Amino acid sequence: MRVATWNVNSVKQRLPRLLPWLDQRQPDVVCLQETKLADDSFTELLGGELTGRGYAVALHGEPRWNGVAILSRAGLEDVVTGLAGEPGFPNPEARAVAATCGGVRVYSVYVPNGRKPGSDHYRYKLGWLAALRNTVSAGPEAVMVCGDMNIAPTDADVFDPRAYIGQTHVTPPERAALASLEALGLHDVARDRWPDERIFTYWDYRAGMFHQNLGMRIDLVLASAPVANRVRAAWVDREARKGTGPSDHAPVIVDLDDAPDGDIGPVVPPPSARPARKGPVKLPQAPGAE
């Protein structure tokens, strides 16, 4: 089973990238964040396309902001939106959806940003993470928490720790909250598989940050031991961050039981399927070909 998580930063804006990516990578379960669409608008925009590709869909969205989804062709049972006892800002936001897919309880989460250490939004972030931990702790045993955590777990997960002094995403309380979640027995599978590699999942749009590889690793897949023991590959699909109109995040892909692309490294894997060509195909020697 191939499980992926991707903060698309607007499904509507990313539609020309999302559908070809699904066809190329062929994920069985996809956790999306920052969909920025109400559920009916999401269904109107993508329902037919996803059904045609064999995906059932669990949605928890709102217009303009936030929004999470799970796409699954490995079953979609016991869908729950939100978290038990979650705080709001001031009202609960569309930041979590859970479903059982292929016998695994899967959470797609979009953790609040925090904005500024010590602010009301920062306290909201910590409270929301506490609610996430409490919800996950209730079971079941086989679980994956996938999404944009808005926390870099360690200094190794940012391009330069000095650049983030005084900012969110790296403060001790945030990292402690993430560590408390992992202490339930969850494994950061990409880092476990590549402990010494430079791995990022987010690059600011500005100042050529992506091309200079000045990023952060804030999109994680956390898996309990029964699931983590099945991991055969875990990687960041950096190719999805290239080209025209990308999200500022790249997908994280985890292969359970079988690795179609092989255990090929933490970033920039080869294509899973050849992307569809646009227009007629010309041989290199054909007139007009360059």
Protein backbone atom coordinates (compact mmCIF):
# COMPACT_ATOMS: atom_id res chain seq x y z
CA MET A 1 0.00 0.00 0.00
CA ARG A 2 1.38 3.41 -0.99
CA VAL A 3 0.43 6.22 1.40
CA ALA A 4 1.16 9.87 0.60
CA THR A 5 0.64 13.19 2.35
CA TRP A 6 0.68 16.55 0.59
CA ASN A 7 -0.15 20.10 1.60
CA VAL A 8 -1.42 21.28 -1.77
CA ASN A 9 -1.98 24.90 -0.73
CA SER A 10 -5.38 25.06 -2.52
CA VAL A 11 -6.84 22.10 -4.40
CA LYS A 12 -8.38 24.46 -6.94
CA GLN A 13 -5.05 26.10 -7.73
CA ARG A 14 -3.22 22.77 -7.76
CA LEU A 15 -5.69 20.84 -9.90
CA PRO A 16 -3.43 20.83 -13.01
CA ARG A 17 -0.69 19.29 -10.83
CA LEU A 18 -2.72 16.98 -8.58
CA LEU A 19 -4.48 14.79 -11.15
CA PRO A 20 -1.35 14.01 -13.24
CA TRP A 21 0.51 13.32 -9.99
CA LEU A 22 -2.12 10.78 -8.94
CA ASP A 23 -1.78 9.07 -12.32
CA GLN A 24 2.00 9.03 -12.13
CA ARG A 25 2.60 8.02 -8.50
CA GLN A 26 -0.48 5.80 -8.14
CA PRO A 27 -0.91 6.24 -4.36
CA ASP A 28 -3.47 4.04 -2.65
CA VAL A 29 -4.15 6.51 0.17
CA VAL A 30 -3.59 10.27 -0.07
CA CYS A 31 -3.83 12.73 2.82
CA LEU A 32 -4.30 16.30 1.60
CA GLN A 33 -4.00 19.49 3.62
CA GLU A 34 -4.89 23.11 2.98
CA THR A 35 -7.54 22.16 0.45
CA LYS A 36 -9.23 25.55 0.95
CA LEU A 37 -12.62 24.31 -0.27
CA ALA A 38 -15.96 23.58 1.33
CA ASP A 39 -16.91 19.91 1.00
CA ASP A 40 -19.59 20.47 -1.64
CA SER A 41 -17.19 22.59 -3.73
CA PHE A 42 -14.49 19.92 -3.46
CA THR A 43 -16.95 17.25 -4.62
CA GLU A 44 -18.17 19.41 -7.49
CA LEU A 45 -14.61 20.12 -8.63
CA LEU A 46 -13.03 16.70 -8.18
CA GLY A 47 -15.67 14.10 -7.39
CA GLY A 48 -15.95 12.65 -10.88
CA GLU A 49 -12.21 12.64 -11.50
CA LEU A 50 -11.49 10.84 -8.23
CA THR A 51 -14.30 8.33 -8.61
CA GLY A 52 -13.02 7.51 -12.08
CA ARG A 53 -9.61 6.76 -10.56
CA GLY A 54 -11.13 4.49 -7.94
CA TYR A 55 -10.86 6.80 -4.94
CA ALA A 56 -13.38 7.14 -2.14
CA VAL A 57 -13.11 10.50 -0.40
CA ALA A 58 -13.40 11.74 3.19
CA LEU A 59 -13.61 15.52 3.49
CA HIS A 60 -13.42 18.14 6.19
CA GLY A 61 -13.18 21.52 4.52
CA GLU A 62 -14.15 25.14 4.75
CA PRO A 63 -14.18 27.95 2.20
CA ARG A 64 -10.90 29.82 1.61
CA TRP A 65 -8.88 28.44 4.52
CA ASN A 66 -7.59 25.18 6.02
CA GLY A 67 -9.30 21.97 4.89
CA VAL A 68 -8.16 18.33 4.93
CA ALA A 69 -9.08 15.24 2.95
CA ILE A 70 -8.32 11.53 2.62
CA LEU A 71 -8.50 9.86 -0.79
CA SER A 72 -8.46 6.08 -0.64
CA ARG A 73 -8.79 3.14 -2.95
CA ALA A 74 -7.86 0.79 -0.07
CA GLY A 75 -11.18 1.18 1.72
CA LEU A 76 -12.58 4.13 3.64
CA GLU A 77 -14.37 3.26 6.84
CA ASP A 78 -15.28 4.92 10.12
CA VAL A 79 -14.74 8.49 8.94
CA VAL A 80 -14.44 11.05 11.74
CA THR A 81 -13.93 14.78 11.23
CA GLY A 82 -12.20 16.95 13.80
CA LEU A 83 -10.70 15.90 17.14
CA ALA A 84 -12.32 15.13 20.45
CA GLY A 85 -12.02 18.17 22.69
CA GLU A 86 -10.16 20.25 20.13
CA PRO A 87 -9.87 23.98 20.81
CA GLY A 88 -11.00 26.61 18.33
CA PHE A 89 -9.75 29.99 17.23
CA PRO A 90 -12.35 30.93 18.34
CA ASN A 91 -14.34 28.09 16.73
CA PRO A 92 -13.01 24.67 15.66
CA GLU A 93 -11.38 24.72 12.23
CA ALA A 94 -11.20 22.09 9.48
CA ARG A 95 -7.82 20.62 10.39
CA ALA A 96 -8.27 16.87 10.94
CA VAL A 97 -10.05 13.94 9.34
CA ALA A 98 -9.55 10.25 10.10
CA ALA A 99 -10.59 7.02 8.39
CA THR A 100 -9.63 3.36 8.36
CA CYS A 101 -7.93 2.43 5.09
CA GLY A 102 -6.62 -1.04 4.43
CA GLY A 103 -6.83 -1.90 8.12
CA VAL A 104 -4.84 1.18 9.21
CA ARG A 105 -6.33 4.15 11.04
CA VAL A 106 -5.15 7.14 8.96
CA TYR A 107 -5.24 10.77 10.10
CA SER A 108 -4.81 13.69 7.72
CA VAL A 109 -3.89 16.70 9.85
CA TYR A 110 -3.07 20.34 9.27
CA VAL A 111 -1.59 21.64 12.52
CA PRO A 112 -2.10 25.36 13.23
CA ASN A 113 0.85 27.57 12.28
CA GLY A 114 1.28 29.31 15.64
CA ARG A 115 2.16 32.63 13.98
CA LYS A 116 4.25 34.10 16.81
CA PRO A 117 5.63 32.46 19.96
CA GLY A 118 3.57 33.42 22.99
CA SER A 119 0.59 34.61 20.96
CA ASP A 120 -2.99 33.39 21.30
CA HIS A 121 -2.57 31.45 18.06
CA TYR A 122 0.59 29.83 19.42
CA ARG A 123 -1.30 28.68 22.53
CA TYR A 124 -4.07 27.43 20.25
CA LYS A 125 -1.47 25.38 18.34
CA LEU A 126 -0.22 23.72 21.53
CA GLY A 127 -3.78 23.03 22.69
CA TRP A 128 -4.67 21.55 19.31
CA LEU A 129 -1.62 19.26 19.42
CA ALA A 130 -2.66 18.09 22.88
CA ALA A 131 -6.11 17.20 21.51
CA LEU A 132 -4.48 15.31 18.63
CA ARG A 133 -2.36 13.31 21.06
CA ASN A 134 -5.35 12.46 23.20
CA THR A 135 -7.35 11.33 20.18
CA VAL A 136 -4.57 9.15 18.77
CA SER A 137 -3.86 7.64 22.19
CA ALA A 138 -7.35 6.14 22.23
CA GLY A 139 -6.27 3.65 19.55
CA PRO A 140 -6.38 1.54 17.49
CA GLU A 141 -2.90 0.00 17.43
CA ALA A 142 -2.28 0.30 13.68
CA VAL A 143 -2.21 4.04 12.98
CA MET A 144 -0.60 6.64 10.71
CA VAL A 145 -0.69 10.38 11.41
CA CYS A 146 0.10 12.17 8.17
CA GLY A 147 0.25 15.84 7.39
CA ASP A 148 1.65 19.30 7.74
CA MET A 149 2.77 19.44 11.36
CA ASN A 150 4.10 23.00 11.09
CA ILE A 151 6.97 21.84 13.32
CA ALA A 152 10.53 20.95 12.32
CA PRO A 153 11.36 18.13 14.75
CA THR A 154 15.06 19.03 15.17
CA ASP A 155 17.62 21.56 13.99
CA ALA A 156 18.62 19.04 11.31
CA ASP A 157 15.20 19.62 9.75
CA VAL A 158 15.82 23.28 8.82
CA PHE A 159 18.40 24.65 6.41
CA ASP A 160 19.92 26.96 9.04
CA PRO A 161 18.75 26.99 12.68
CA ARG A 162 20.00 30.57 13.07
CA ALA A 163 17.46 31.75 10.48
CA TYR A 164 14.57 30.59 12.69
CA ILE A 165 15.60 32.03 16.03
CA GLY A 166 12.55 33.64 17.65
CA GLN A 167 10.11 32.11 15.17
CA THR A 168 7.53 29.38 15.39
CA HIS A 169 8.03 25.82 14.09
CA VAL A 170 11.25 25.31 16.08
CA THR A 171 10.52 26.41 19.65
CA PRO A 172 11.00 23.95 22.52
CA PRO A 173 7.27 23.80 23.48
CA GLU A 174 6.27 22.94 19.90
CA ARG A 175 8.94 20.29 19.58
CA ALA A 176 7.99 18.91 22.99
CA ALA A 177 4.36 18.63 21.89
CA LEU A 178 5.41 16.73 18.77
CA ALA A 179 7.71 14.50 20.83
CA SER A 180 4.80 13.76 23.18
CA LEU A 181 2.75 12.59 20.20
CA GLU A 182 5.59 10.37 19.01
CA ALA A 183 5.97 9.02 22.55
CA LEU A 184 2.71 7.13 21.99
CA GLY A 185 4.89 4.76 19.97
CA LEU A 186 4.84 6.57 16.62
CA HIS A 187 7.85 6.47 14.32
CA ASP A 188 8.89 9.35 12.05
CA VAL A 189 9.35 6.92 9.19
CA ALA A 190 11.17 9.17 6.70
CA ARG A 191 13.74 10.23 9.30
CA ASP A 192 14.07 6.70 10.64
CA ARG A 193 14.85 5.47 7.15
CA TRP A 194 17.25 8.31 6.32
CA PRO A 195 18.74 9.43 9.66
CA ASP A 196 21.67 11.38 8.25
CA GLU A 197 20.24 12.85 5.06
CA ARG A 198 19.27 16.46 4.31
CA ILE A 199 15.50 16.17 3.79
CA PHE A 200 13.08 19.07 3.38
CA THR A 201 9.39 19.15 2.43
CA TYR A 202 8.66 22.90 2.38
CA TRP A 203 10.38 25.78 0.63
CA ASP A 204 9.16 29.39 0.69
CA TYR A 205 8.10 30.68 -2.73
CA ARG A 206 10.32 33.74 -2.33
CA ALA A 207 13.98 34.40 -3.10
CA GLY A 208 14.66 31.14 -4.93
CA MET A 209 14.51 29.14 -1.71
CA PHE A 210 13.57 25.92 -3.50
CA HIS A 211 16.34 26.13 -6.08
CA GLN A 212 18.87 26.75 -3.33
CA ASN A 213 17.33 23.94 -1.25
CA LEU A 214 16.77 26.28 1.70
CA GLY A 215 13.82 24.54 3.25
CA MET A 216 12.25 22.86 6.26
CA ARG A 217 10.96 19.37 6.98
CA ILE A 218 7.54 19.96 8.48
CA ASP A 219 5.41 17.41 6.59
CA LEU A 220 5.62 14.09 8.39
CA VAL A 221 4.30 10.55 8.36
CA LEU A 222 4.18 9.13 11.88
CA ALA A 223 3.38 5.42 12.13
CA SER A 224 2.86 3.01 14.99
CA ALA A 225 5.14 -0.02 15.20
CA PRO A 226 2.83 -2.47 13.39
CA VAL A 227 2.75 -0.10 10.43
CA ALA A 228 6.34 1.18 10.64
CA ASN A 229 7.58 -2.41 10.48
CA ARG A 230 5.93 -2.70 7.07
CA VAL A 231 7.74 0.31 5.56
CA ARG A 232 9.83 -0.58 2.52
CA ALA A 233 10.49 2.95 1.26
CA ALA A 234 9.89 6.51 2.45
CA TRP A 235 10.75 9.55 0.39
CA VAL A 236 9.99 13.15 -0.49
CA ASP A 237 8.66 13.63 -4.01
CA ARG A 238 10.71 16.73 -4.76
CA GLU A 239 9.74 16.49 -8.44
CA ALA A 240 6.22 17.64 -7.49
CA ARG A 241 7.67 20.94 -6.21
CA LYS A 242 9.26 21.74 -9.58
CA GLY A 243 7.76 23.35 -12.66
CA THR A 244 4.82 25.69 -13.12
CA GLY A 245 2.32 26.42 -10.38
CA PRO A 246 3.55 24.09 -7.63
CA SER A 247 2.54 24.01 -4.00
CA ASP A 248 5.21 25.29 -1.63
CA HIS A 249 5.21 21.78 -0.10
CA ALA A 250 6.32 18.49 -1.65
CA PRO A 251 4.51 15.19 -1.03
CA VAL A 252 5.92 12.60 1.35
CA ILE A 253 5.38 9.04 0.11
CA VAL A 254 5.59 5.86 2.16
CA ASP A 255 5.44 2.38 0.66
CA LEU A 256 4.20 -0.45 2.87
CA ASP A 257 5.04 -4.10 2.13
CA ASP A 258 6.24 -3.39 -1.40
CA ALA A 259 8.21 -0.51 -2.96
CA PRO A 260 7.27 -0.08 -6.64
CA ASP A 261 10.15 2.33 -7.24
CA GLY A 262 12.56 0.48 -4.96
CA ASP A 263 14.20 1.90 -1.87
CA ILE A 264 15.65 4.69 -3.95
CA GLY A 265 16.63 7.42 -1.52
CA PRO A 266 15.03 10.23 0.42
CA VAL A 267 14.34 12.65 -2.45
CA VAL A 268 13.86 12.88 -6.23
CA PRO A 269 12.80 9.34 -7.11
CA PRO A 270 12.38 8.13 -10.69
CA PRO A 271 8.90 8.27 -12.18
CA SER A 272 6.45 5.64 -10.97
CA ALA A 273 4.68 5.82 -14.32
CA ARG A 274 5.66 7.73 -17.40
CA PRO A 275 3.85 11.11 -17.45
CA ALA A 276 1.43 11.52 -20.33
CA ARG A 277 2.91 13.48 -23.20
CA LYS A 278 1.14 16.51 -24.60
CA GLY A 279 0.80 16.65 -28.36
CA PRO A 280 2.26 14.27 -30.96
CA VAL A 281 5.43 12.35 -30.19
CA LYS A 282 8.38 13.00 -32.54
CA LEU A 283 11.45 10.88 -32.96
CA PRO A 284 14.72 12.76 -32.31
CA GLN A 285 15.63 12.48 -36.00
CA ALA A 286 12.26 13.69 -37.26
CA PRO A 287 12.10 17.05 -39.05
CA GLY A 288 11.38 19.84 -36.61
CA ALA A 289 12.54 17.87 -33.56
CA GLU A 290 15.29 19.42 -31.48
